[in-house]
Amino acid sequence: MSEKEIQELQDKIDAGLQLAEKRMLEEKALHDENVIVQADDGAIQHIPAKQILAAM
């Protein structure tokens, strides 16, 4: 594979992951669910999916 082909493949993978994440957030927001994330300081946070979608 050439560098260009590798970059194109990586771009497609990244786009697919972004789409999957958005769909997951939309589904969670529909059911008023939270997303659990780890903050930079290591603390666990529960953030409403609606809040994350609004920030996108």
C-alpha atoms as a PDB file:
ATOM      1  CA  MET A   1       0.000   0.000   0.000  1.00  0.00           C
ATOM      2  CA  SER A   2       1.204   3.452  -0.802  1.00  0.00           C
ATOM      3  CA  GLU A   3       1.273   6.240   1.778  1.00  0.00           C
ATOM      4  CA  LYS A   4      -1.699   7.855   0.024  1.00  0.00           C
ATOM      5  CA  GLU A   5      -3.744   4.644   0.224  1.00  0.00           C
ATOM      6  CA  ILE A   6      -2.873   4.210   3.884  1.00  0.00           C
ATOM      7  CA  GLN A   7      -3.934   7.788   4.628  1.00  0.00           C
ATOM      8  CA  GLU A   8      -7.217   7.328   2.736  1.00  0.00           C
ATOM      9  CA  LEU A   9      -7.943   4.140   4.673  1.00  0.00           C
ATOM     10  CA  GLN A  10      -7.151   5.862   7.962  1.00  0.00           C
ATOM     11  CA  ASP A  11      -9.457   8.753   7.034  1.00  0.00           C
ATOM     12  CA  LYS A  12     -12.291   6.295   6.289  1.00  0.00           C
ATOM     13  CA  ILE A  13     -11.742   4.504   9.595  1.00  0.00           C
ATOM     14  CA  ASP A  14     -11.729   7.810  11.496  1.00  0.00           C
ATOM     15  CA  ALA A  15     -14.947   8.929   9.788  1.00  0.00           C
ATOM     16  CA  GLY A  16     -16.604   5.608  10.630  1.00  0.00           C
ATOM     17  CA  LEU A  17     -15.588   5.869  14.279  1.00  0.00           C
ATOM     18  CA  GLN A  18     -16.934   9.426  14.497  1.00  0.00           C
ATOM     19  CA  LEU A  19     -20.239   8.315  12.976  1.00  0.00           C
ATOM     20  CA  ALA A  20     -20.500   5.372  15.373  1.00  0.00           C
ATOM     21  CA  GLU A  21     -19.785   7.618  18.355  1.00  0.00           C
ATOM     22  CA  LYS A  22     -22.430  10.136  17.266  1.00  0.00           C
ATOM     23  CA  ARG A  23     -25.030   7.400  16.783  1.00  0.00           C
ATOM     24  CA  MET A  24     -24.213   5.945  20.208  1.00  0.00           C
ATOM     25  CA  LEU A  25     -24.612   9.371  21.832  1.00  0.00           C
ATOM     26  CA  GLU A  26     -27.906   9.970  20.007  1.00  0.00           C
ATOM     27  CA  GLU A  27     -29.257   6.618  21.198  1.00  0.00           C
ATOM     28  CA  LYS A  28     -28.180   7.303  24.785  1.00  0.00           C
ATOM     29  CA  ALA A  29     -29.641  10.821  24.641  1.00  0.00           C
ATOM     30  CA  LEU A  30     -32.936   9.396  23.410  1.00  0.00           C
ATOM     31  CA  HIS A  31     -33.146   7.309  26.597  1.00  0.00           C
ATOM     32  CA  ASP A  32     -31.782  10.044  28.916  1.00  0.00           C
ATOM     33  CA  GLU A  33     -28.674   7.998  29.693  1.00  0.00           C
ATOM     34  CA  ASN A  34     -25.244   9.113  30.844  1.00  0.00           C
ATOM     35  CA  VAL A  35     -21.851   8.494  29.308  1.00  0.00           C
ATOM     36  CA  ILE A  36     -19.108   7.473  31.707  1.00  0.00           C
ATOM     37  CA  VAL A  37     -15.735   9.091  31.033  1.00  0.00           C
ATOM     38  CA  GLN A  38     -12.415   9.433  32.785  1.00  0.00           C
ATOM     39  CA  ALA A  39     -11.250  13.006  33.363  1.00  0.00           C
ATOM     40  CA  ASP A  40      -7.649  14.099  32.901  1.00  0.00           C
ATOM     41  CA  ASP A  41      -7.046  13.757  36.637  1.00  0.00           C
ATOM     42  CA  GLY A  42      -8.290  10.153  36.588  1.00  0.00           C
ATOM     43  CA  ALA A  43     -11.667  10.857  38.175  1.00  0.00           C
ATOM     44  CA  ILE A  44     -14.679   9.028  36.774  1.00  0.00           C
ATOM     45  CA  GLN A  45     -17.487  11.285  35.559  1.00  0.00           C
ATOM     46  CA  HIS A  46     -21.077  10.588  34.520  1.00  0.00           C
ATOM     47  CA  ILE A  47     -22.114  13.093  31.843  1.00  0.00           C
ATOM     48  CA  PRO A  48     -25.554  13.195  30.219  1.00  0.00           C
ATOM     49  CA  ALA A  49     -25.338  12.209  26.556  1.00  0.00           C
ATOM     50  CA  LYS A  50     -27.504  15.212  25.663  1.00  0.00           C
ATOM     51  CA  GLN A  51     -24.866  17.510  27.134  1.00  0.00           C
ATOM     52  CA  ILE A  52     -22.107  15.933  25.040  1.00  0.00           C
ATOM     53  CA  LEU A  53     -24.203  16.138  21.876  1.00  0.00           C
ATOM     54  CA  ALA A  54     -24.930  19.818  22.536  1.00  0.00           C
ATOM     55  CA  ALA A  55     -21.202  20.509  22.761  1.00  0.00           C
ATOM     56  CA  MET A  56     -20.471  18.859  19.405  1.00  0.00           C
END
